[in-house]
Every structure is written in C-alpha cells, then in structure tokens.
Amino acid sequence: MRPGEIILADAPAPAADHARTATVAVTNAGRFDAYLTSHFPVARASAALRFDRDGLDGARPLLPSGASVLIPAGATVDVEVTWS
C-alpha cells in the first residue's frame, strides 16, 4: 500500500440499517418555502410546518448527510424520518 492509495471493495458497502422509520405528512402553512435538513430534529422544525410532532423526539429526515427536503409554501410533502 502506498500513501494516499485507495483500495476498493469487491462489493458495494451496505446501506445503513434504519431499524425504525416512519413517513410523516408535513404541510407548510407559512408564506415562505421551508427546508428540513438531514441533521435537524424534525420535532424542533419551524412552527409554520404543520404535522403531528408527538412521538417524533429524536427523529431526523432519512436523507443523505447534508441533504434537505424543500417544502414549498402551502404545500404538503411526505417526509420519511428515522430514529437511528
């Protein structure tokens, strides 16, 4: 092995095992578009986003790191969340 050398695996890496997931319908009742980001707890999102927050403590959108979901003003979007 040489410094900086990358050795690839024979098979792709397995996806993360998200033991507990749910789909939540989120409605943006605000005047502006809103985003839910991959690292922000869903239950603490903007008050303009209307959804059942009960039981979502610690849940985050099931998205790749750094990604986000756009929720346009007045729209309802289904968001998959996980507690991993």
PDB file of N, CA and C in Angstrom:
ATOM      1  N   MET A   1       0.850  -1.179   0.000  1.00  0.00           N
ATOM      2  CA  MET A   1       0.000   0.000   0.000  1.00  0.00           C
ATOM      3  C   MET A   1       0.891   1.235   0.000  1.00  0.00           C
ATOM      4  N   ARG A   2       0.505   2.212  -0.795  1.00  0.00           N
ATOM      5  CA  ARG A   2       1.239   3.465  -0.900  1.00  0.00           C
ATOM      6  C   ARG A   2       0.439   4.573  -0.211  1.00  0.00           C
ATOM      7  N   PRO A   3       1.100   5.609   0.288  1.00  0.00           N
ATOM      8  CA  PRO A   3       0.362   6.713   0.900  1.00  0.00           C
ATOM      9  C   PRO A   3      -0.648   7.301  -0.094  1.00  0.00           C
ATOM     10  N   GLY A   4      -1.881   7.448   0.344  1.00  0.00           N
ATOM     11  CA  GLY A   4      -2.937   8.009  -0.492  1.00  0.00           C
ATOM     12  C   GLY A   4      -3.619   7.012  -1.401  1.00  0.00           C
ATOM     13  N   GLU A   5      -3.131   5.768  -1.405  1.00  0.00           N
ATOM     14  CA  GLU A   5      -3.734   4.749  -2.261  1.00  0.00           C
ATOM     15  C   GLU A   5      -5.128   4.394  -1.756  1.00  0.00           C
ATOM     16  N   ILE A   6      -6.036   4.194  -2.676  1.00  0.00           N
ATOM     17  CA  ILE A   6      -7.405   3.807  -2.339  1.00  0.00           C
ATOM     18  C   ILE A   6      -7.627   2.387  -2.825  1.00  0.00           C
ATOM     19  N   ILE A   7      -8.033   1.521  -1.920  1.00  0.00           N
ATOM     20  CA  ILE A   7      -8.313   0.139  -2.267  1.00  0.00           C
ATOM     21  C   ILE A   7      -9.823  -0.051  -2.219  1.00  0.00           C
ATOM     22  N   LEU A   8     -10.411  -0.363  -3.354  1.00  0.00           N
ATOM     23  CA  LEU A   8     -11.858  -0.511  -3.445  1.00  0.00           C
ATOM     24  C   LEU A   8     -12.291  -1.911  -3.040  1.00  0.00           C
ATOM     25  N   ALA A   9     -13.461  -2.004  -2.456  1.00  0.00           N
ATOM     26  CA  ALA A   9     -14.031  -3.295  -2.074  1.00  0.00           C
ATOM     27  C   ALA A   9     -14.587  -3.994  -3.311  1.00  0.00           C
ATOM     28  N   ASP A  10     -14.779  -5.295  -3.200  1.00  0.00           N
ATOM     29  CA  ASP A  10     -15.339  -6.065  -4.309  1.00  0.00           C
ATOM     30  C   ASP A  10     -16.837  -5.825  -4.481  1.00  0.00           C
ATOM     31  N   ALA A  11     -17.510  -5.466  -3.396  1.00  0.00           N
ATOM     32  CA  ALA A  11     -18.956  -5.252  -3.431  1.00  0.00           C
ATOM     33  C   ALA A  11     -19.271  -3.882  -2.829  1.00  0.00           C
ATOM     34  N   PRO A  12     -20.403  -3.302  -3.198  1.00  0.00           N
ATOM     35  CA  PRO A  12     -20.766  -2.005  -2.606  1.00  0.00           C
ATOM     36  C   PRO A  12     -21.003  -2.128  -1.102  1.00  0.00           C
ATOM     37  N   ALA A  13     -20.755  -1.038  -0.396  1.00  0.00           N
ATOM     38  CA  ALA A  13     -20.983  -1.017   1.051  1.00  0.00           C
ATOM     39  C   ALA A  13     -22.481  -1.106   1.323  1.00  0.00           C
ATOM     40  N   PRO A  14     -22.880  -1.843   2.352  1.00  0.00           N
ATOM     41  CA  PRO A  14     -24.313  -1.940   2.663  1.00  0.00           C
ATOM     42  C   PRO A  14     -24.845  -0.605   3.175  1.00  0.00           C
ATOM     43  N   ALA A  15     -26.095  -0.358   2.901  1.00  0.00           N
ATOM     44  CA  ALA A  15     -26.743   0.858   3.393  1.00  0.00           C
ATOM     45  C   ALA A  15     -26.924   0.758   4.902  1.00  0.00           C
ATOM     46  N   ALA A  16     -27.054   1.908   5.545  1.00  0.00           N
ATOM     47  CA  ALA A  16     -27.268   1.923   6.992  1.00  0.00           C
ATOM     48  C   ALA A  16     -28.573   1.205   7.332  1.00  0.00           C
ATOM     49  N   ASP A  17     -28.576   0.525   8.452  1.00  0.00           N
ATOM     50  CA  ASP A  17     -29.769  -0.191   8.895  1.00  0.00           C
ATOM     51  C   ASP A  17     -30.604   0.748   9.761  1.00  0.00           C
ATOM     52  N   HIS A  18     -31.682   1.254   9.200  1.00  0.00           N
ATOM     53  CA  HIS A  18     -32.568   2.152   9.939  1.00  0.00           C
ATOM     54  C   HIS A  18     -33.705   1.307  10.498  1.00  0.00           C
ATOM     55  N   ALA A  19     -33.535   0.872  11.737  1.00  0.00           N
ATOM     56  CA  ALA A  19     -34.479  -0.060  12.345  1.00  0.00           C
ATOM     57  C   ALA A  19     -35.874   0.538  12.493  1.00  0.00           C
ATOM     58  N   ARG A  20     -35.954   1.815  12.737  1.00  0.00           N
ATOM     59  CA  ARG A  20     -37.260   2.438  12.964  1.00  0.00           C
ATOM     60  C   ARG A  20     -37.409   3.632  12.036  1.00  0.00           C
ATOM     61  N   THR A  21     -38.390   3.563  11.154  1.00  0.00           N
ATOM     62  CA  THR A  21     -38.675   4.668  10.240  1.00  0.00           C
ATOM     63  C   THR A  21     -40.175   4.931  10.216  1.00  0.00           C
ATOM     64  N   ALA A  22     -40.542   6.099   9.741  1.00  0.00           N
ATOM     65  CA  ALA A  22     -41.951   6.464   9.586  1.00  0.00           C
ATOM     66  C   ALA A  22     -42.048   7.503   8.475  1.00  0.00           C
ATOM     67  N   THR A  23     -43.221   7.614   7.888  1.00  0.00           N
ATOM     68  CA  THR A  23     -43.482   8.649   6.895  1.00  0.00           C
ATOM     69  C   THR A  23     -44.448   9.650   7.508  1.00  0.00           C
ATOM     70  N   VAL A  24     -44.077  10.925   7.438  1.00  0.00           N
ATOM     71  CA  VAL A  24     -44.853  11.993   8.059  1.00  0.00           C
ATOM     72  C   VAL A  24     -45.282  12.982   6.972  1.00  0.00           C
ATOM     73  N   ALA A  25     -46.568  13.317   6.939  1.00  0.00           N
ATOM     74  CA  ALA A  25     -47.071  14.341   6.017  1.00  0.00           C
ATOM     75  C   ALA A  25     -46.844  15.702   6.664  1.00  0.00           C
ATOM     76  N   VAL A  26     -46.039  16.546   6.017  1.00  0.00           N
ATOM     77  CA  VAL A  26     -45.679  17.858   6.553  1.00  0.00           C
ATOM     78  C   VAL A  26     -46.277  18.930   5.649  1.00  0.00           C
ATOM     79  N   THR A  27     -47.076  19.828   6.235  1.00  0.00           N
ATOM     80  CA  THR A  27     -47.692  20.930   5.495  1.00  0.00           C
ATOM     81  C   THR A  27     -47.028  22.235   5.897  1.00  0.00           C
ATOM     82  N   ASN A  28     -46.639  23.019   4.912  1.00  0.00           N
ATOM     83  CA  ASN A  28     -46.043  24.321   5.174  1.00  0.00           C
ATOM     84  C   ASN A  28     -47.156  25.362   5.168  1.00  0.00           C
ATOM     85  N   ALA A  29     -47.557  25.820   6.357  1.00  0.00           N
ATOM     86  CA  ALA A  29     -48.616  26.817   6.492  1.00  0.00           C
ATOM     87  C   ALA A  29     -48.066  28.240   6.446  1.00  0.00           C
ATOM     88  N   GLY A  30     -46.774  28.376   6.244  1.00  0.00           N
ATOM     89  CA  GLY A  30     -46.144  29.694   6.202  1.00  0.00           C
ATOM     90  C   GLY A  30     -46.211  30.333   4.825  1.00  0.00           C
ATOM     91  N   ARG A  31     -45.673  31.547   4.729  1.00  0.00           N
ATOM     92  CA  ARG A  31     -45.668  32.291   3.470  1.00  0.00           C
ATOM     93  C   ARG A  31     -44.423  32.025   2.633  1.00  0.00           C
ATOM     94  N   PHE A  32     -43.427  31.374   3.235  1.00  0.00           N
ATOM     95  CA  PHE A  32     -42.155  31.151   2.556  1.00  0.00           C
ATOM     96  C   PHE A  32     -41.839  29.662   2.485  1.00  0.00           C
ATOM     97  N   ASP A  33     -41.039  29.282   1.501  1.00  0.00           N
ATOM     98  CA  ASP A  33     -40.590  27.899   1.407  1.00  0.00           C
ATOM     99  C   ASP A  33     -39.778  27.545   2.649  1.00  0.00           C
ATOM    100  N   ALA A  34     -39.812  26.280   3.026  1.00  0.00           N
ATOM    101  CA  ALA A  34     -39.061  25.811   4.193  1.00  0.00           C
ATOM    102  C   ALA A  34     -38.301  24.548   3.813  1.00  0.00           C
ATOM    103  N   TYR A  35     -37.239  24.289   4.541  1.00  0.00           N
ATOM    104  CA  TYR A  35     -36.426  23.093   4.321  1.00  0.00           C
ATOM    105  C   TYR A  35     -36.319  22.305   5.613  1.00  0.00           C
ATOM    106  N   LEU A  36     -36.344  20.992   5.496  1.00  0.00           N
ATOM    107  CA  LEU A  36     -35.971  20.105   6.597  1.00  0.00           C
ATOM    108  C   LEU A  36     -34.632  19.511   6.195  1.00  0.00           C
ATOM    109  N   THR A  37     -33.626  19.679   7.046  1.00  0.00           N
ATOM    110  CA  THR A  37     -32.294  19.182   6.717  1.00  0.00           C
ATOM    111  C   THR A  37     -32.018  17.854   7.404  1.00  0.00           C
ATOM    112  N   SER A  38     -31.026  17.154   6.906  1.00  0.00           N
ATOM    113  CA  SER A  38     -30.732  15.801   7.370  1.00  0.00           C
ATOM    114  C   SER A  38     -30.317  15.728   8.835  1.00  0.00           C
ATOM    115  N   HIS A  39     -29.739  16.778   9.382  1.00  0.00           N
ATOM    116  CA  HIS A  39     -29.214  16.710  10.749  1.00  0.00           C
ATOM    117  C   HIS A  39     -30.099  17.372  11.798  1.00  0.00           C
ATOM    118  N   PHE A  40     -31.188  18.008  11.381  1.00  0.00           N
ATOM    119  CA  PHE A  40     -32.011  18.757  12.332  1.00  0.00           C
ATOM    120  C   PHE A  40     -33.175  17.902  12.813  1.00  0.00           C
ATOM    121  N   PRO A  41     -33.414  17.840  14.128  1.00  0.00           N
ATOM    122  CA  PRO A  41     -34.542  17.051  14.643  1.00  0.00           C
ATOM    123  C   PRO A  41     -35.881  17.572  14.094  1.00  0.00           C
ATOM    124  N   VAL A  42     -36.679  16.687  13.554  1.00  0.00           N
ATOM    125  CA  VAL A  42     -37.948  17.062  12.919  1.00  0.00           C
ATOM    126  C   VAL A  42     -38.884  17.755  13.905  1.00  0.00           C
ATOM    127  N   ALA A  43     -38.963  17.265  15.129  1.00  0.00           N
ATOM    128  CA  ALA A  43     -39.895  17.818  16.117  1.00  0.00           C
ATOM    129  C   ALA A  43     -39.571  19.270  16.467  1.00  0.00           C
ATOM    130  N   ARG A  44     -38.346  19.718  16.202  1.00  0.00           N
ATOM    131  CA  ARG A  44     -37.946  21.089  16.527  1.00  0.00           C
ATOM    132  C   ARG A  44     -37.981  22.005  15.303  1.00  0.00           C
ATOM    133  N   ALA A  45     -38.571  21.555  14.231  1.00  0.00           N
ATOM    134  CA  ALA A  45     -38.636  22.340  12.992  1.00  0.00           C
ATOM    135  C   ALA A  45     -39.557  23.548  13.165  1.00  0.00           C
ATOM    136  N   SER A  46     -39.546  24.417  12.187  1.00  0.00           N
ATOM    137  CA  SER A  46     -40.333  25.650  12.189  1.00  0.00           C
ATOM    138  C   SER A  46     -41.786  25.412  12.585  1.00  0.00           C
ATOM    139  N   ALA A  47     -42.329  26.343  13.351  1.00  0.00           N
ATOM    140  CA  ALA A  47     -43.734  26.259  13.767  1.00  0.00           C
ATOM    141  C   ALA A  47     -44.676  26.397  12.571  1.00  0.00           C
ATOM    142  N   ALA A  48     -44.189  26.932  11.449  1.00  0.00           N
ATOM    143  CA  ALA A  48     -45.015  27.049  10.244  1.00  0.00           C
ATOM    144  C   ALA A  48     -45.248  25.691   9.588  1.00  0.00           C
ATOM    145  N   LEU A  49     -44.451  24.704   9.955  1.00  0.00           N
ATOM    146  CA  LEU A  49     -44.631  23.358   9.413  1.00  0.00           C
ATOM    147  C   LEU A  49     -45.611  22.611  10.290  1.00  0.00           C
ATOM    148  N   ARG A  50     -46.715  22.198   9.709  1.00  0.00           N
ATOM    149  CA  ARG A  50     -47.791  21.530  10.452  1.00  0.00           C
ATOM    150  C   ARG A  50     -47.717  20.022  10.249  1.00  0.00           C
ATOM    151  N   PHE A  51     -47.556  19.297  11.354  1.00  0.00           N
ATOM    152  CA  PHE A  51     -47.572  17.839  11.360  1.00  0.00           C
ATOM    153  C   PHE A  51     -47.679  17.385  12.800  1.00  0.00           C
ATOM    154  N   ASP A  52     -47.998  16.132  13.012  1.00  0.00           N
ATOM    155  CA  ASP A  52     -48.134  15.578  14.357  1.00  0.00           C
ATOM    156  C   ASP A  52     -46.739  15.374  14.945  1.00  0.00           C
ATOM    157  N   ARG A  53     -46.348  16.229  15.874  1.00  0.00           N
ATOM    158  CA  ARG A  53     -44.999  16.180  16.451  1.00  0.00           C
ATOM    159  C   ARG A  53     -44.872  15.157  17.580  1.00  0.00           C
ATOM    160  N   ASP A  54     -46.004  14.652  18.068  1.00  0.00           N
ATOM    161  CA  ASP A  54     -45.962  13.658  19.148  1.00  0.00           C
ATOM    162  C   ASP A  54     -45.230  12.407  18.675  1.00  0.00           C
ATOM    163  N   GLY A  55     -44.319  11.940  19.481  1.00  0.00           N
ATOM    164  CA  GLY A  55     -43.586  10.721  19.171  1.00  0.00           C
ATOM    165  C   GLY A  55     -42.435  10.899  18.207  1.00  0.00           C
ATOM    166  N   LEU A  56     -42.144  12.135  17.796  1.00  0.00           N
ATOM    167  CA  LEU A  56     -41.051  12.363  16.854  1.00  0.00           C
ATOM    168  C   LEU A  56     -39.780  12.883  17.522  1.00  0.00           C
ATOM    169  N   ASP A  57     -39.716  12.840  18.852  1.00  0.00           N
ATOM    170  CA  ASP A  57     -38.499  13.284  19.537  1.00  0.00           C
ATOM    171  C   ASP A  57     -37.314  12.451  19.080  1.00  0.00           C
ATOM    172  N   GLY A  58     -36.266  13.118  18.628  1.00  0.00           N
ATOM    173  CA  GLY A  58     -35.062  12.436  18.178  1.00  0.00           C
ATOM    174  C   GLY A  58     -35.095  11.988  16.728  1.00  0.00           C
ATOM    175  N   ALA A  59     -36.232  12.146  16.048  1.00  0.00           N
ATOM    176  CA  ALA A  59     -36.328  11.731  14.640  1.00  0.00           C
ATOM    177  C   ALA A  59     -35.711  12.793  13.737  1.00  0.00           C
ATOM    178  N   ARG A  60     -35.077  12.317  12.669  1.00  0.00           N
ATOM    179  CA  ARG A  60     -34.492  13.196  11.667  1.00  0.00           C
ATOM    180  C   ARG A  60     -34.929  12.704  10.289  1.00  0.00           C
ATOM    181  N   PRO A  61     -34.966  13.597   9.293  1.00  0.00           N
ATOM    182  CA  PRO A  61     -35.316  13.139   7.947  1.00  0.00           C
ATOM    183  C   PRO A  61     -34.335  12.067   7.472  1.00  0.00           C
ATOM    184  N   LEU A  62     -34.831  11.055   6.825  1.00  0.00           N
ATOM    185  CA  LEU A  62     -33.996   9.971   6.308  1.00  0.00           C
ATOM    186  C   LEU A  62     -33.436  10.421   4.964  1.00  0.00           C
ATOM    187  N   LEU A  63     -32.330  11.160   5.037  1.00  0.00           N
ATOM    188  CA  LEU A  63     -31.685  11.755   3.866  1.00  0.00           C
ATOM    189  C   LEU A  63     -30.180  11.549   3.963  1.00  0.00           C
ATOM    190  N   PRO A  64     -29.479  11.613   2.850  1.00  0.00           N
ATOM    191  CA  PRO A  64     -28.019  11.580   2.921  1.00  0.00           C
ATOM    192  C   PRO A  64     -27.499  12.795   3.694  1.00  0.00           C
ATOM    193  N   SER A  65     -26.334  12.663   4.277  1.00  0.00           N
ATOM    194  CA  SER A  65     -25.734  13.742   5.052  1.00  0.00           C
ATOM    195  C   SER A  65     -25.646  15.023   4.225  1.00  0.00           C
ATOM    196  N   GLY A  66     -26.126  16.121   4.805  1.00  0.00           N
ATOM    197  CA  GLY A  66     -26.074  17.415   4.140  1.00  0.00           C
ATOM    198  C   GLY A  66     -27.237  17.705   3.209  1.00  0.00           C
ATOM    199  N   ALA A  67     -28.107  16.742   2.979  1.00  0.00           N
ATOM    200  CA  ALA A  67     -29.242  16.943   2.071  1.00  0.00           C
ATOM    201  C   ALA A  67     -30.418  17.574   2.819  1.00  0.00           C
ATOM    202  N   SER A  68     -31.400  18.040   2.067  1.00  0.00           N
ATOM    203  CA  SER A  68     -32.588  18.638   2.676  1.00  0.00           C
ATOM    204  C   SER A  68     -33.812  18.370   1.803  1.00  0.00           C
ATOM    205  N   VAL A  69     -34.985  18.570   2.407  1.00  0.00           N
ATOM    206  CA  VAL A  69     -36.260  18.423   1.706  1.00  0.00           C
ATOM    207  C   VAL A  69     -36.890  19.805   1.617  1.00  0.00           C
ATOM    208  N   LEU A  70     -37.242  20.230   0.414  1.00  0.00           N
ATOM    209  CA  LEU A  70     -37.921  21.510   0.214  1.00  0.00           C
ATOM    210  C   LEU A  70     -39.413  21.304   0.411  1.00  0.00           C
ATOM    211  N   ILE A  71     -40.014  22.178   1.229  1.00  0.00           N
ATOM    212  CA  ILE A  71     -41.460  22.165   1.422  1.00  0.00           C
ATOM    213  C   ILE A  71     -41.961  23.551   1.009  1.00  0.00           C
ATOM    214  N   PRO A  72     -42.483  23.673  -0.209  1.00  0.00           N
ATOM    215  CA  PRO A  72     -42.943  24.974  -0.689  1.00  0.00           C
ATOM    216  C   PRO A  72     -44.095  25.513   0.164  1.00  0.00           C
ATOM    217  N   ALA A  73     -44.223  26.829   0.206  1.00  0.00           N
ATOM    218  CA  ALA A  73     -45.309  27.464   0.952  1.00  0.00           C
ATOM    219  C   ALA A  73     -46.650  26.928   0.469  1.00  0.00           C
ATOM    220  N   GLY A  74     -47.493  26.495   1.413  1.00  0.00           N
ATOM    221  CA  GLY A  74     -48.817  25.991   1.096  1.00  0.00           C
ATOM    222  C   GLY A  74     -48.868  24.539   0.651  1.00  0.00           C
ATOM    223  N   ALA A  75     -47.732  23.893   0.519  1.00  0.00           N
ATOM    224  CA  ALA A  75     -47.689  22.511   0.021  1.00  0.00           C
ATOM    225  C   ALA A  75     -47.593  21.505   1.164  1.00  0.00           C
ATOM    226  N   THR A  76     -47.974  20.266   0.860  1.00  0.00           N
ATOM    227  CA  THR A  76     -47.812  19.152   1.788  1.00  0.00           C
ATOM    228  C   THR A  76     -46.862  18.149   1.145  1.00  0.00           C
ATOM    229  N   VAL A  77     -45.859  17.727   1.905  1.00  0.00           N
ATOM    230  CA  VAL A  77     -44.841  16.802   1.409  1.00  0.00           C
ATOM    231  C   VAL A  77     -44.720  15.643   2.390  1.00  0.00           C
ATOM    232  N   ASP A  78     -44.649  14.418   1.876  1.00  0.00           N
ATOM    233  CA  ASP A  78     -44.386  13.253   2.724  1.00  0.00           C
ATOM    234  C   ASP A  78     -42.886  13.162   2.963  1.00  0.00           C
ATOM    235  N   VAL A  79     -42.500  13.098   4.243  1.00  0.00           N
ATOM    236  CA  VAL A  79     -41.089  13.033   4.623  1.00  0.00           C
ATOM    237  C   VAL A  79     -40.854  11.750   5.402  1.00  0.00           C
ATOM    238  N   GLU A  80     -39.881  10.959   4.967  1.00  0.00           N
ATOM    239  CA  GLU A  80     -39.518   9.749   5.698  1.00  0.00           C
ATOM    240  C   GLU A  80     -38.514  10.137   6.779  1.00  0.00           C
ATOM    241  N   VAL A  81     -38.775   9.688   8.013  1.00  0.00           N
ATOM    242  CA  VAL A  81     -37.900  10.014   9.140  1.00  0.00           C
ATOM    243  C   VAL A  81     -37.372   8.728   9.773  1.00  0.00           C
ATOM    244  N   THR A  82     -36.271   8.882  10.521  1.00  0.00           N
ATOM    245  CA  THR A  82     -35.664   7.743  11.202  1.00  0.00           C
ATOM    246  C   THR A  82     -35.162   8.169  12.572  1.00  0.00           C
ATOM    247  N   TRP A  83     -35.026   7.193  13.448  1.00  0.00           N
ATOM    248  CA  TRP A  83     -34.520   7.428  14.802  1.00  0.00           C
ATOM    249  C   TRP A  83     -33.140   6.809  14.983  1.00  0.00           C
ATOM    250  N   SER A  84     -32.388   6.612  13.919  1.00  0.00           N
ATOM    251  CA  SER A  84     -31.093   5.945  14.045  1.00  0.00           C
ATOM    252  C   SER A  84     -30.046   6.856  14.637  1.00  0.00           C
TER     253      SER A  84
END
